[in-house]
Amino acid sequence: MSTITLKTDVTVAFPGIEITGDLLTDETRSILELIGRDDEEWPESEVLNVSLEAYGLYPEPGCIFIKDWSEHGGVTDSLVAIGAVEIVRALAAGPFNSRAYEVRILGAAS
């Protein structure tokens, strides 16, 4: 996978924790990943998007889905605030009709 750095040294808010690191995507823009800094409590990488194919949902080209429940609650709002994504639509997904967002990944790091 060829990766593109979208944003460097950004902070993304998760429930109960904020992680600072770099946002990466693959060249087809189907994966959005946060790579935490070494000095963070949680320096691992985290794929931020989710597949909703099991529910018959497919994102438009250039878009991904981000769930807004469990460990990713509020992540989309955080990514919008730092200019990494724009919301295309909100939808209900999964067995509990939980909120998810289809988002378009924006621009590369300057």
Protein backbone atom coordinates (compact mmCIF):
# COMPACT_ATOMS: atom_id res chain seq x y z
CA MET A 1 0.00 0.00 0.00
CA SER A 2 1.33 3.44 -0.94
CA THR A 3 0.59 5.94 1.76
CA ILE A 4 0.04 9.67 1.57
CA THR A 5 0.48 11.88 4.62
CA LEU A 6 -2.63 14.05 4.91
CA LYS A 7 -1.86 15.92 8.12
CA THR A 8 1.05 15.92 10.54
CA ASP A 9 1.04 16.57 14.26
CA VAL A 10 -2.75 16.67 14.65
CA THR A 11 -4.81 15.76 17.68
CA VAL A 12 -7.82 13.48 17.28
CA ALA A 13 -10.29 13.12 20.14
CA PHE A 14 -11.54 9.66 21.10
CA PRO A 15 -13.83 8.99 24.07
CA GLY A 16 -11.70 9.64 27.14
CA ILE A 17 -8.40 10.26 25.31
CA GLU A 18 -6.80 12.51 22.71
CA ILE A 19 -4.11 11.13 20.40
CA THR A 20 -1.59 13.32 18.59
CA GLY A 21 0.10 12.01 15.49
CA ASP A 22 0.00 11.87 11.70
CA LEU A 23 -2.99 11.07 9.50
CA LEU A 24 -2.22 8.80 6.56
CA THR A 25 -4.27 7.37 3.71
CA ASP A 26 -3.55 4.92 0.92
CA GLU A 27 -3.35 6.30 -2.61
CA THR A 28 -6.87 5.10 -3.43
CA ARG A 29 -8.15 6.95 -0.32
CA SER A 30 -9.93 3.92 1.05
CA ILE A 31 -8.11 3.84 4.42
CA LEU A 32 -7.61 6.62 6.96
CA GLU A 33 -5.07 5.83 9.66
CA LEU A 34 -3.76 7.75 12.67
CA ILE A 35 -0.16 7.00 13.65
CA GLY A 36 0.41 8.17 17.23
CA ARG A 37 3.64 9.81 18.39
CA ASP A 38 6.14 7.77 20.37
CA ASP A 39 5.60 9.86 23.50
CA GLU A 40 1.85 9.21 23.59
CA GLU A 41 0.24 6.84 26.05
CA TRP A 42 -1.11 5.00 23.01
CA PRO A 43 1.45 5.29 20.18
CA GLU A 44 -0.04 2.53 18.06
CA SER A 45 -1.68 3.08 14.71
CA GLU A 46 -5.47 3.15 14.48
CA VAL A 47 -7.47 2.67 11.30
CA LEU A 48 -10.28 5.20 11.61
CA ASN A 49 -12.62 3.97 8.91
CA VAL A 50 -14.89 0.95 8.95
CA SER A 51 -16.43 -1.30 6.31
CA LEU A 52 -20.21 -1.40 6.37
CA GLU A 53 -20.52 -3.88 3.48
CA ALA A 54 -22.13 -6.44 5.80
CA TYR A 55 -25.09 -4.03 6.00
CA GLY A 56 -25.25 -3.41 2.24
CA LEU A 57 -23.59 0.02 2.52
CA TYR A 58 -20.80 1.12 0.18
CA PRO A 59 -19.15 4.55 0.20
CA GLU A 60 -18.99 6.71 -2.91
CA PRO A 61 -15.60 6.82 -4.67
CA GLY A 62 -13.15 8.92 -2.65
CA CYS A 63 -15.19 8.47 0.51
CA ILE A 64 -15.00 6.23 3.59
CA PHE A 65 -17.26 5.37 6.52
CA ILE A 66 -16.39 6.27 10.11
CA LYS A 67 -18.47 4.80 12.92
CA ASP A 68 -19.64 7.13 15.68
CA TRP A 69 -20.00 4.60 18.47
CA SER A 70 -17.81 2.78 21.00
CA GLU A 71 -14.12 3.67 20.77
CA HIS A 72 -14.74 5.96 17.76
CA GLY A 73 -17.52 8.09 19.23
CA GLY A 74 -16.88 11.72 18.28
CA VAL A 75 -13.91 10.93 16.01
CA THR A 76 -15.66 12.29 12.91
CA ASP A 77 -16.35 15.64 14.60
CA SER A 78 -12.69 15.81 15.62
CA LEU A 79 -11.52 15.07 12.06
CA VAL A 80 -13.88 17.72 10.63
CA ALA A 81 -12.55 20.28 13.14
CA ILE A 82 -8.95 19.76 11.98
CA GLY A 83 -9.91 19.90 8.29
CA ALA A 84 -9.10 16.27 7.50
CA VAL A 85 -12.56 15.21 6.29
CA GLU A 86 -15.93 16.62 5.30
CA ILE A 87 -19.19 14.86 6.08
CA VAL A 88 -21.10 13.65 3.03
CA ARG A 89 -23.97 12.06 4.96
CA ALA A 90 -24.96 10.59 8.29
CA LEU A 91 -26.52 7.14 8.36
CA ALA A 92 -27.71 4.43 10.73
CA ALA A 93 -25.82 1.14 10.54
CA GLY A 94 -25.38 -2.13 12.34
CA PRO A 95 -27.71 -4.19 14.48
CA PHE A 96 -28.51 -1.22 16.74
CA ASN A 97 -28.86 1.37 13.94
CA SER A 98 -25.89 3.25 15.36
CA ARG A 99 -24.68 6.51 13.81
CA ALA A 100 -21.97 6.37 11.15
CA TYR A 101 -20.76 9.00 8.71
CA GLU A 102 -19.73 8.84 5.11
CA VAL A 103 -16.89 11.32 4.74
CA ARG A 104 -14.64 12.62 2.00
CA ILE A 105 -10.94 12.77 2.87
CA LEU A 106 -9.53 16.26 2.21
CA GLY A 107 -6.17 17.43 0.88
CA ALA A 108 -2.58 16.49 1.61
CA ALA A 109 -0.19 17.96 4.16
CA SER A 110 1.44 21.21 3.14
